[in-house]
Amino acid sequence: MKVHPSALALTALAFTSFLESAEPDLRADPLGVQSQQIESAQSNGLGSMARKRTITGELTLVDAINTALSQNLDVLKGLREIERAQGRVVQLKALALPHISMSASLGDSRQRTDPSGFLAAGANFAGGGDGATTLQSRSWNVSFELRQSIYSGGEIPAQIEGAKFLKGAAYYSFRNVIDKVISEVRSQFSTVLVNEALIEVAQESVELASQQLKDAQNRFNAGTVPRFNVLRAEVEVASVKPQLIRAKNDHLIAKLQLAKLLALDAPSAGSPTFKCVGDLNIGERDLDLSNSITLGKSRRPSLKSLRQQMLAGEEGVNEALSGFKPRLSAVARGGWAGAGRQEFTQNMESYFLGLQGSWAIFDSFETTARVAQERAKLRSLVLSYEDEVRQIELEIQRAFANLQQYRETIESQQKNVQQALEALRLAQERLSAGAGTQLEVLDARVALTRARTTELQARGDYVRSLAEFDRATATETVYQEEFNDPLAKLENKVLKRDYSFLFRP
């Protein structure tokens, strides 16, 4: 399976994201990956990229995002939707162009006549006898027509403009899909890294518990501690092993989910063959809620898609209103016909050149009903737009609050990990000196494991929330505008403000 060349072309044109030569005004993402323009053109033009069914070896976040953008099924479906919208535009533009049609027929005809009334009396005959006569002739006909619409009451222009706006809506919906896929890949990639780090924490806990068991066994053999200490250490080793098993399983499931996002084949060995390489470093990011909401409302492609749909809805109303107006077309029609029977033959030529018009004086309120439907649909789109604005505000506010929560959690747990390490060291020294108990060491080890786990999970939550925040504010990617946005001036005005805080690593 290969990616369609048009998919790569549109992808390269549509967005700028996560490659190695970032433009100066693009920010670096929290994992140290910079947004850059996708280089999909190959040495032979656009070329073609074979689908990656499996990935072996190290996988960076850049590679994961590029793989998802080239073969994720949601992205490919978005491309097909744009192609469908483009086909609709071409189809409707054809209504404004001349149409030429031709028809032809050839056949035999038979006719029986009964001058004496023999058939009317109910007699039966075959082959035409007893006063009946059979006439047989062969006829043919060839005709053509050229029709050009001159005035359609505004229906055709409204259909064409509406299709163009819907094409713009499909384009912005495609951008929304791209932003969503990038956010999901970033989030899932960080989940894999977190679970991998939790495996290391669980392994350290098992190793520490095993060392304590060995130490307790040696002390018991030396007669310095009772059998209870050995049993307690054995129970502790058995209790920490399920944490390691669960961490490994969570890591496997996270990798499988990432492979699904990348549209990779299911691994035959049960586990994906790639290894995620990266870190969970948390950089400083100055965030301002009010500016973020303003930026999100001006940049979110879902709002732009709805605005295009609203413009298409206005054209739908104009199309329905055209039912009240007359139609006028220029028509050129001609043909040839012939008929023959034995010695009689006739040929005929005909043509027509002129105008044809129609006007529905009364259509039993059909047009009125269509106008009412289109206006109701437009009002529904307006309400959907208002609801989407509120939803975007909520998403940004929620992501902003989560970022603050997880950053505070990370800062608190970083200090807690240091304190837990010191407490474990002191407990082990007290136990070695005979002044402490094994229970103190176990409690200190559990506290350290809990602090490390909480800190790692908070880092993962922060990275995921940051990915969601970037998606909600539409600052993840940079696009080339291909359509006229009705609120482009507002967006440009918003973007002139200083939002450099969003582009700091």
Protein backbone atom coordinates (compact mmCIF):
# COMPACT_ATOMS: atom_id res chain seq x y z
CA MET A 1 0.00 0.00 0.00
CA LYS A 2 1.34 3.40 -0.96
CA VAL A 3 0.28 6.86 0.07
CA HIS A 4 -1.41 8.72 -2.75
CA PRO A 5 0.94 11.40 -4.19
CA SER A 6 -1.79 14.02 -3.80
CA ALA A 7 -1.91 13.21 -0.12
CA LEU A 8 1.76 14.03 0.27
CA ALA A 9 1.40 17.17 -1.80
CA LEU A 10 -1.51 18.46 0.21
CA THR A 11 0.13 17.47 3.47
CA ALA A 12 3.29 19.34 2.56
CA LEU A 13 1.28 22.37 1.52
CA ALA A 14 -1.13 22.33 4.43
CA PHE A 15 1.06 22.34 7.50
CA THR A 16 4.50 22.86 8.96
CA SER A 17 5.32 20.48 11.76
CA PHE A 18 8.17 18.72 13.59
CA LEU A 19 11.12 18.32 11.24
CA GLU A 20 14.77 19.15 11.52
CA SER A 21 15.09 22.63 9.96
CA ALA A 22 12.57 24.74 11.85
CA GLU A 23 11.70 28.23 10.73
CA PRO A 24 12.86 30.96 13.11
CA ASP A 25 9.39 31.91 14.36
CA LEU A 26 8.36 28.38 15.33
CA ARG A 27 8.71 27.21 18.88
CA ALA A 28 10.29 24.05 20.23
CA ASP A 29 7.94 21.58 21.81
CA PRO A 30 8.35 20.44 25.45
CA LEU A 31 10.13 17.24 24.45
CA GLY A 32 12.81 19.14 22.58
CA VAL A 33 11.33 18.68 19.08
CA GLN A 34 10.95 21.73 16.90
CA SER A 35 8.15 22.35 14.42
CA GLN A 36 9.44 22.32 10.87
CA GLN A 37 8.08 22.06 7.38
CA ILE A 38 7.42 18.58 6.15
CA GLU A 39 9.68 17.54 3.29
CA SER A 40 7.49 15.20 1.31
CA ALA A 41 8.94 15.96 -2.14
CA GLN A 42 11.26 13.26 -3.32
CA SER A 43 13.97 13.37 -5.95
CA ASN A 44 11.47 12.30 -8.64
CA GLY A 45 8.94 15.02 -7.89
CA LEU A 46 6.53 14.20 -5.11
CA GLY A 47 7.30 10.53 -5.43
CA SER A 48 5.63 7.98 -3.21
CA MET A 49 6.27 6.69 0.27
CA ALA A 50 5.65 3.03 1.00
CA ARG A 51 3.60 2.49 4.09
CA LYS A 52 5.62 1.58 7.15
CA ARG A 53 4.01 -1.62 8.36
CA THR A 54 6.53 -2.12 11.16
CA ILE A 55 9.21 0.00 12.78
CA THR A 56 12.31 -1.60 14.23
CA GLY A 57 14.82 0.09 16.48
CA GLU A 58 14.69 3.50 18.06
CA LEU A 59 11.68 5.73 17.44
CA THR A 60 11.85 9.44 18.19
CA LEU A 61 8.89 11.77 18.56
CA VAL A 62 9.75 13.38 15.21
CA ASP A 63 9.64 10.01 13.45
CA ALA A 64 6.41 9.06 15.17
CA ILE A 65 4.66 12.27 14.14
CA ASN A 66 5.89 12.08 10.56
CA THR A 67 4.78 8.46 10.30
CA ALA A 68 1.33 9.31 11.65
CA LEU A 69 0.94 12.24 9.26
CA SER A 70 1.80 10.07 6.27
CA GLN A 71 -0.35 7.02 7.02
CA ASN A 72 -2.75 7.64 9.90
CA LEU A 73 -6.19 6.61 8.67
CA ASP A 74 -7.94 9.73 9.96
CA VAL A 75 -5.48 11.90 8.03
CA LEU A 76 -5.96 9.89 4.84
CA LYS A 77 -9.73 10.07 5.21
CA GLY A 78 -9.47 13.84 5.59
CA LEU A 79 -7.55 14.00 2.33
CA ARG A 80 -10.23 11.96 0.57
CA GLU A 81 -12.87 14.35 1.88
CA ILE A 82 -11.00 17.30 0.34
CA GLU A 83 -10.84 15.44 -2.97
CA ARG A 84 -14.58 14.80 -2.76
CA ALA A 85 -15.25 18.49 -2.07
CA GLN A 86 -13.07 19.48 -5.01
CA GLY A 87 -15.01 17.10 -7.26
CA ARG A 88 -18.24 18.70 -6.10
CA VAL A 89 -16.93 22.14 -7.12
CA VAL A 90 -16.00 20.89 -10.59
CA GLN A 91 -19.38 19.21 -10.94
CA LEU A 92 -21.31 22.38 -10.13
CA LYS A 93 -19.09 24.57 -12.30
CA ALA A 94 -20.13 22.36 -15.19
CA LEU A 95 -23.70 23.63 -14.79
CA ALA A 96 -22.58 27.06 -15.99
CA LEU A 97 -20.91 25.66 -19.11
CA PRO A 98 -22.54 24.54 -22.40
CA HIS A 99 -23.99 21.04 -22.54
CA ILE A 100 -24.12 19.05 -25.78
CA SER A 101 -26.20 15.90 -26.10
CA MET A 102 -27.01 13.58 -28.99
CA SER A 103 -29.58 10.82 -29.48
CA ALA A 104 -30.21 8.33 -32.29
CA SER A 105 -32.66 5.58 -33.12
CA LEU A 106 -33.03 2.93 -35.86
CA GLY A 107 -35.77 0.33 -36.27
CA ASP A 108 -38.56 -1.31 -38.23
CA SER A 109 -42.26 -0.54 -37.85
CA ARG A 110 -45.36 -2.42 -38.98
CA GLN A 111 -48.92 -1.24 -39.39
CA ARG A 112 -52.03 -3.18 -40.44
CA THR A 113 -55.06 -1.58 -42.05
CA ASP A 114 -58.58 -3.06 -42.63
CA PRO A 115 -60.56 -1.03 -45.15
CA SER A 116 -63.39 -3.64 -45.41
CA GLY A 117 -63.98 -3.91 -41.67
CA PHE A 118 -63.15 -7.60 -41.67
CA LEU A 119 -61.17 -7.35 -38.44
CA ALA A 120 -63.89 -5.41 -36.69
CA ALA A 121 -66.26 -8.34 -37.30
CA GLY A 122 -64.06 -10.55 -35.14
CA ALA A 123 -62.52 -12.69 -37.88
CA ASN A 124 -59.14 -14.28 -37.29
CA PHE A 125 -56.38 -13.88 -39.81
CA ALA A 126 -52.67 -14.38 -40.08
CA GLY A 127 -50.23 -12.58 -42.24
CA GLY A 128 -52.75 -9.96 -43.37
CA GLY A 129 -55.48 -11.46 -45.57
CA ASP A 130 -59.19 -11.14 -46.22
CA GLY A 131 -59.07 -7.41 -46.88
CA ALA A 132 -56.33 -6.54 -44.32
CA THR A 133 -53.12 -4.86 -45.46
CA THR A 134 -49.72 -4.86 -43.63
CA LEU A 135 -47.45 -1.81 -44.09
CA GLN A 136 -43.78 -2.28 -43.19
CA SER A 137 -41.19 0.51 -43.06
CA ARG A 138 -37.74 1.23 -41.62
CA SER A 139 -37.10 4.55 -39.88
CA TRP A 140 -34.09 6.25 -38.36
CA ASN A 141 -33.50 9.43 -36.42
CA VAL A 142 -30.40 11.38 -35.29
CA SER A 143 -30.67 14.57 -33.23
CA PHE A 144 -28.44 16.78 -31.13
CA GLU A 145 -28.91 19.65 -28.72
CA LEU A 146 -26.64 22.42 -27.44
CA ARG A 147 -27.90 24.17 -24.31
CA GLN A 148 -26.34 27.06 -22.41
CA SER A 149 -27.85 28.46 -19.25
CA ILE A 150 -28.14 32.25 -19.42
CA TYR A 151 -30.06 33.01 -16.24
CA SER A 152 -31.01 30.56 -13.50
CA GLY A 153 -32.37 32.95 -10.93
CA GLY A 154 -29.03 32.84 -9.10
CA GLU A 155 -29.21 29.09 -8.46
CA ILE A 156 -26.04 28.03 -10.30
CA PRO A 157 -23.77 30.79 -8.89
CA ALA A 158 -25.09 30.03 -5.40
CA GLN A 159 -24.37 26.32 -5.84
CA ILE A 160 -20.84 26.99 -7.06
CA GLU A 161 -20.02 29.42 -4.25
CA GLY A 162 -21.55 27.09 -1.69
CA ALA A 163 -19.42 24.22 -2.96
CA LYS A 164 -16.30 26.39 -2.71
CA PHE A 165 -17.11 27.26 0.89
CA LEU A 166 -17.70 23.58 1.69
CA LYS A 167 -14.33 22.81 0.15
CA GLY A 168 -12.83 25.36 2.52
CA ALA A 169 -14.70 23.71 5.39
CA ALA A 170 -13.22 20.34 4.39
CA TYR A 171 -9.75 21.89 4.31
CA TYR A 172 -10.11 23.34 7.81
CA SER A 173 -11.59 20.06 9.06
CA PHE A 174 -8.49 18.36 7.67
CA ARG A 175 -6.31 20.81 9.59
CA ASN A 176 -8.28 20.01 12.72
CA VAL A 177 -7.61 16.30 12.17
CA ILE A 178 -3.89 16.99 11.78
CA ASP A 179 -3.77 18.95 15.03
CA LYS A 180 -5.64 16.18 16.80
CA VAL A 181 -3.38 13.43 15.46
CA ILE A 182 -0.22 15.32 16.44
CA SER A 183 -1.60 15.91 19.93
CA GLU A 184 -2.56 12.26 20.31
CA VAL A 185 0.87 11.07 19.15
CA ARG A 186 2.65 13.43 21.54
CA SER A 187 0.41 12.31 24.39
CA GLN A 188 0.77 8.60 23.68
CA PHE A 189 4.50 8.89 23.13
CA SER A 190 4.89 10.49 26.55
CA THR A 191 2.73 7.72 28.06
CA VAL A 192 5.15 5.13 26.68
CA LEU A 193 8.10 7.02 28.17
CA VAL A 194 6.39 7.34 31.55
CA ASN A 195 5.53 3.65 31.69
CA GLU A 196 9.08 2.76 30.71
CA ALA A 197 10.39 4.91 33.55
CA LEU A 198 7.90 3.32 35.95
CA ILE A 199 9.31 -0.09 35.00
CA GLU A 200 12.74 1.11 36.13
CA VAL A 201 11.27 2.36 39.43
CA ALA A 202 9.52 -0.96 39.99
CA GLN A 203 12.69 -2.89 39.17
CA GLU A 204 14.64 -0.80 41.66
CA SER A 205 12.02 -1.57 44.28
CA VAL A 206 12.30 -5.30 43.57
CA GLU A 207 16.10 -5.16 43.69
CA LEU A 208 16.05 -3.21 46.95
CA ALA A 209 13.57 -5.63 48.51
CA SER A 210 15.72 -8.56 47.34
CA GLN A 211 18.81 -7.01 48.92
CA GLN A 212 16.94 -6.53 52.18
CA LEU A 213 15.83 -10.18 52.04
CA LYS A 214 19.41 -11.29 51.51
CA ASP A 215 20.59 -9.10 54.37
CA ALA A 216 17.85 -10.41 56.66
CA GLN A 217 18.76 -13.99 55.74
CA ASN A 218 22.43 -13.36 56.53
CA ARG A 219 21.56 -11.76 59.87
CA PHE A 220 19.23 -14.66 60.69
CA ASN A 221 21.97 -17.16 59.87
CA ALA A 222 24.28 -15.19 62.16
CA GLY A 223 21.67 -15.28 64.90
CA THR A 224 21.28 -11.50 65.24
CA VAL A 225 17.65 -11.25 64.07
CA PRO A 226 14.63 -13.49 64.49
CA ARG A 227 12.96 -15.56 61.77
CA PHE A 228 10.23 -12.91 61.60
CA ASN A 229 12.57 -10.49 59.83
CA VAL A 230 13.22 -13.01 57.06
CA LEU A 231 9.52 -13.74 56.60
CA ARG A 232 8.75 -10.03 56.55
CA ALA A 233 11.40 -9.46 53.83
CA GLU A 234 10.06 -12.39 51.77
CA VAL A 235 6.54 -10.96 51.93
CA GLU A 236 7.84 -7.57 50.84
CA VAL A 237 9.62 -9.06 47.81
CA ALA A 238 6.45 -10.87 46.78
CA SER A 239 4.35 -7.72 47.24
CA VAL A 240 6.50 -5.48 45.01
CA LYS A 241 6.72 -7.93 42.09
CA PRO A 242 3.08 -7.28 40.97
CA GLN A 243 3.96 -3.60 40.59
CA LEU A 244 6.71 -4.54 38.14
CA ILE A 245 4.38 -6.88 36.25
CA ARG A 246 1.70 -4.19 36.03
CA ALA A 247 4.23 -1.58 34.88
CA LYS A 248 5.44 -3.87 32.07
CA ASN A 249 1.88 -4.57 30.95
CA ASP A 250 1.00 -0.86 30.97
CA HIS A 251 4.10 -0.19 28.88
CA LEU A 252 3.12 -2.86 26.35
CA ILE A 253 -0.42 -1.54 26.02
CA ALA A 254 0.85 2.02 25.58
CA LYS A 255 3.16 0.90 22.75
CA LEU A 256 0.32 -1.00 21.08
CA GLN A 257 -1.87 2.10 21.23
CA LEU A 258 0.93 4.18 19.73
CA ALA A 259 1.37 1.61 16.96
CA LYS A 260 -2.33 1.90 16.21
CA LEU A 261 -2.03 5.68 15.88
CA LEU A 262 0.86 5.16 13.47
CA ALA A 263 -1.20 2.63 11.47
CA LEU A 264 1.38 -0.11 11.98
CA ASP A 265 0.58 -3.78 11.61
CA ALA A 266 -0.06 -5.84 14.70
CA PRO A 267 3.24 -7.37 15.88
CA SER A 268 3.48 -11.12 15.42
CA ALA A 269 5.58 -11.47 18.57
CA GLY A 270 2.96 -9.68 20.68
CA SER A 271 5.08 -6.60 21.33
CA PRO A 272 6.03 -3.76 18.91
CA THR A 273 9.62 -3.89 17.77
CA PHE A 274 10.32 -0.18 18.22
CA LYS A 275 11.72 1.55 21.29
CA CYS A 276 10.62 5.08 22.08
CA VAL A 277 13.56 7.39 22.65
CA GLY A 278 13.08 10.74 24.37
CA ASP A 279 12.85 12.44 27.72
CA LEU A 280 10.24 14.11 29.89
CA ASN A 281 12.06 17.36 30.58
CA ILE A 282 9.72 20.14 31.67
CA GLY A 283 10.77 23.58 30.48
CA GLU A 284 9.53 26.93 31.65
CA ARG A 285 6.48 28.19 29.80
CA ASP A 286 4.91 31.58 30.57
CA LEU A 287 1.18 31.14 30.12
CA ASP A 288 -1.53 33.76 30.07
CA LEU A 289 -5.10 32.45 30.12
CA SER A 290 -6.81 35.47 28.57
CA ASN A 291 -4.38 35.71 25.65
CA SER A 292 -4.52 31.95 25.14
CA ILE A 293 -8.31 31.98 24.84
CA THR A 294 -8.19 34.86 22.36
CA LEU A 295 -5.56 33.10 20.30
CA GLY A 296 -7.45 29.82 20.34
CA LYS A 297 -10.69 31.41 19.16
CA SER A 298 -8.91 33.10 16.29
CA ARG A 299 -6.84 30.12 15.14
CA ARG A 300 -8.85 26.98 15.80
CA PRO A 301 -9.59 25.29 12.44
CA SER A 302 -12.88 23.89 13.75
CA LEU A 303 -14.23 27.45 14.06
CA LYS A 304 -12.94 28.31 10.62
CA SER A 305 -14.64 25.24 9.22
CA LEU A 306 -17.93 26.27 10.79
CA ARG A 307 -17.55 29.78 9.40
CA GLN A 308 -17.11 28.31 5.94
CA GLN A 309 -20.19 26.17 6.48
CA MET A 310 -22.15 29.25 7.54
CA LEU A 311 -21.18 31.01 4.32
CA ALA A 312 -22.21 27.90 2.40
CA GLY A 313 -25.51 28.01 4.30
CA GLU A 314 -26.11 31.57 3.11
CA GLU A 315 -25.56 30.41 -0.45
CA GLY A 316 -28.02 27.60 0.22
CA VAL A 317 -30.65 30.18 1.09
CA ASN A 318 -29.91 32.07 -2.14
CA GLU A 319 -30.19 28.82 -4.08
CA ALA A 320 -33.61 28.15 -2.56
CA LEU A 321 -34.76 31.72 -3.28
CA SER A 322 -33.96 31.19 -6.95
CA GLY A 323 -37.11 29.09 -7.15
CA PHE A 324 -39.13 32.31 -7.21
CA LYS A 325 -37.30 33.55 -10.30
CA PRO A 326 -37.48 32.60 -13.99
CA ARG A 327 -34.98 30.49 -15.96
CA LEU A 328 -33.59 31.31 -19.39
CA SER A 329 -31.39 29.17 -21.64
CA ALA A 330 -30.02 29.43 -25.17
CA VAL A 331 -30.78 26.32 -27.20
CA ALA A 332 -29.53 25.03 -30.54
CA ARG A 333 -31.20 21.84 -31.69
CA GLY A 334 -31.02 19.92 -34.98
CA GLY A 335 -31.61 16.50 -36.43
CA TRP A 336 -32.01 14.19 -39.37
CA ALA A 337 -34.71 11.58 -39.88
CA GLY A 338 -35.65 9.16 -42.60
CA ALA A 339 -38.28 6.53 -43.36
CA GLY A 340 -38.69 4.13 -46.29
CA ARG A 341 -41.09 1.40 -47.56
CA GLN A 342 -40.49 -0.38 -50.84
CA GLU A 343 -40.56 2.33 -53.48
CA PHE A 344 -41.42 5.16 -51.08
CA THR A 345 -38.54 6.97 -49.31
CA GLN A 346 -38.53 10.22 -47.32
CA ASN A 347 -35.67 12.17 -45.71
CA MET A 348 -36.07 15.20 -43.47
CA GLU A 349 -33.86 17.76 -41.80
CA SER A 350 -34.87 20.03 -38.90
CA TYR A 351 -33.25 22.54 -36.61
CA PHE A 352 -34.08 25.07 -33.90
CA LEU A 353 -32.04 28.02 -32.66
CA GLY A 354 -33.38 30.36 -30.03
CA LEU A 355 -34.18 30.89 -26.35
CA GLN A 356 -36.17 28.81 -23.92
CA GLY A 357 -37.47 30.03 -20.61
CA SER A 358 -39.65 28.87 -17.74
CA TRP A 359 -41.13 30.40 -14.62
CA ALA A 360 -42.94 28.56 -11.87
CA ILE A 361 -45.88 30.88 -11.22
CA PHE A 362 -47.26 28.69 -8.44
CA ASP A 363 -45.50 25.59 -7.07
CA SER A 364 -47.81 24.87 -4.11
CA PHE A 365 -45.36 26.58 -1.69
CA GLU A 366 -42.52 24.16 -2.51
CA THR A 367 -39.97 26.97 -2.86
CA THR A 368 -41.21 28.66 0.31
CA ALA A 369 -40.65 25.42 2.23
CA ARG A 370 -37.15 25.03 0.78
CA VAL A 371 -36.23 28.57 1.83
CA ALA A 372 -37.53 27.90 5.35
CA GLN A 373 -35.43 24.72 5.56
CA GLU A 374 -32.24 26.43 4.42
CA ARG A 375 -32.73 29.33 6.82
CA ALA A 376 -33.33 26.91 9.69
CA LYS A 377 -30.16 25.04 8.72
CA LEU A 378 -28.23 28.32 8.73
CA ARG A 379 -29.56 29.25 12.16
CA SER A 380 -28.51 25.82 13.41
CA LEU A 381 -24.97 26.43 12.12
CA VAL A 382 -24.86 29.75 13.96
CA LEU A 383 -25.83 27.99 17.19
CA SER A 384 -23.22 25.30 16.53
CA TYR A 385 -20.61 28.02 16.08
CA GLU A 386 -21.52 29.64 19.39
CA ASP A 387 -21.40 26.25 21.11
CA GLU A 388 -17.99 25.51 19.58
CA VAL A 389 -16.66 28.84 20.85
CA ARG A 390 -17.73 27.96 24.38
CA GLN A 391 -16.29 24.47 24.01
CA ILE A 392 -12.93 25.89 22.93
CA GLU A 393 -12.92 28.27 25.88
CA LEU A 394 -13.59 25.32 28.19
CA GLU A 395 -10.85 23.19 26.62
CA ILE A 396 -8.27 25.96 26.99
CA GLN A 397 -9.31 26.73 30.56
CA ARG A 398 -9.21 23.04 31.51
CA ALA A 399 -5.80 22.49 29.89
CA PHE A 400 -4.47 25.65 31.53
CA ALA A 401 -5.67 24.53 34.97
CA ASN A 402 -4.20 21.05 34.48
CA LEU A 403 -0.84 22.51 33.48
CA GLN A 404 -0.71 24.54 36.66
CA GLN A 405 -1.73 21.55 38.77
CA TYR A 406 0.84 19.17 37.30
CA ARG A 407 3.65 21.71 37.40
CA GLU A 408 3.02 22.32 41.10
CA THR A 409 2.83 18.55 41.64
CA ILE A 410 6.16 18.02 39.89
CA GLU A 411 7.86 20.73 41.92
CA SER A 412 6.54 19.33 45.19
CA GLN A 413 7.46 15.73 44.34
CA GLN A 414 10.96 16.63 43.21
CA LYS A 415 11.70 17.84 46.74
CA ASN A 416 9.82 14.86 48.14
CA VAL A 417 12.00 12.41 46.18
CA GLN A 418 15.15 13.99 47.61
CA GLN A 419 13.77 13.77 51.13
CA ALA A 420 12.67 10.15 50.60
CA LEU A 421 16.15 9.22 49.36
CA GLU A 422 17.71 10.77 52.43
CA ALA A 423 15.20 9.04 54.71
CA LEU A 424 15.96 5.66 53.15
CA ARG A 425 19.69 6.21 53.55
CA LEU A 426 19.30 7.09 57.24
CA ALA A 427 16.99 4.13 57.87
CA GLN A 428 19.48 1.72 56.30
CA GLU A 429 22.33 3.18 58.39
CA ARG A 430 20.25 2.87 61.58
CA LEU A 431 19.41 -0.73 60.72
CA SER A 432 23.08 -1.53 60.05
CA ALA A 433 24.05 0.07 63.37
CA GLY A 434 21.37 -1.87 65.21
CA ALA A 435 19.50 1.26 66.23
CA GLY A 436 16.71 0.96 63.66
CA THR A 437 14.21 -1.64 62.59
CA GLN A 438 13.50 -3.38 59.33
CA LEU A 439 10.05 -1.80 59.32
CA GLU A 440 11.60 1.67 59.15
CA VAL A 441 13.59 0.66 56.06
CA LEU A 442 10.52 -0.80 54.40
CA ASP A 443 8.47 2.31 55.11
CA ALA A 444 11.23 4.54 53.71
CA ARG A 445 11.50 2.41 50.58
CA VAL A 446 7.73 2.50 50.00
CA ALA A 447 7.72 6.28 50.48
CA LEU A 448 10.53 6.66 47.93
CA THR A 449 8.75 4.47 45.38
CA ARG A 450 5.51 6.40 45.86
CA ALA A 451 7.29 9.75 45.49
CA ARG A 452 9.10 8.66 42.32
CA THR A 453 5.92 7.22 40.83
CA THR A 454 3.91 10.34 41.59
CA GLU A 455 6.60 12.59 40.12
CA LEU A 456 6.86 10.55 36.91
CA GLN A 457 3.11 10.40 36.49
CA ALA A 458 2.87 14.15 37.00
CA ARG A 459 5.49 14.67 34.30
CA GLY A 460 3.54 12.53 31.90
CA ASP A 461 0.31 14.33 32.77
CA TYR A 462 2.02 17.67 32.24
CA VAL A 463 3.29 16.71 28.78
CA ARG A 464 -0.14 15.37 27.81
CA SER A 465 -1.84 18.50 29.09
CA LEU A 466 0.65 20.64 27.21
CA ALA A 467 -0.12 18.74 24.01
CA GLU A 468 -3.83 19.31 24.63
CA PHE A 469 -3.22 22.98 25.38
CA ASP A 470 -1.31 23.43 22.12
CA ARG A 471 -4.12 21.69 20.23
CA ALA A 472 -6.80 23.77 21.94
CA THR A 473 -4.98 27.01 21.10
CA ALA A 474 -4.05 25.76 17.59
CA THR A 475 -0.38 26.66 18.11
CA GLU A 476 0.93 23.18 17.30
CA THR A 477 1.35 23.75 13.57
CA VAL A 478 1.73 26.60 11.08
CA TYR A 479 -0.34 26.52 7.90
CA GLN A 480 -0.48 28.25 4.56
CA GLU A 481 -3.94 29.72 4.10
CA GLU A 482 -5.55 28.49 0.90
CA PHE A 483 -9.05 29.90 1.45
CA ASN A 484 -10.54 33.27 2.28
CA ASP A 485 -11.42 33.23 5.95
CA PRO A 486 -14.26 35.63 6.82
CA LEU A 487 -12.50 36.47 10.09
CA ALA A 488 -8.96 36.56 8.71
CA LYS A 489 -8.59 40.22 9.61
CA LEU A 490 -9.52 39.46 13.20
CA GLU A 491 -7.01 36.64 13.32
CA ASN A 492 -4.27 38.82 11.88
CA LYS A 493 -5.09 41.47 14.45
CA VAL A 494 -4.87 38.91 17.23
CA LEU A 495 -1.61 37.47 15.94
CA LYS A 496 0.02 40.91 15.89
CA ARG A 497 -0.05 40.81 19.66
CA ASP A 498 2.92 39.35 21.50
CA TYR A 499 2.39 35.62 21.92
CA SER A 500 6.02 34.71 22.18
CA PHE A 501 5.27 33.12 25.56
CA LEU A 502 3.66 30.24 23.67
CA PHE A 503 6.81 29.57 21.66
CA ARG A 504 9.32 29.35 24.45
CA PRO A 505 10.61 25.87 25.25
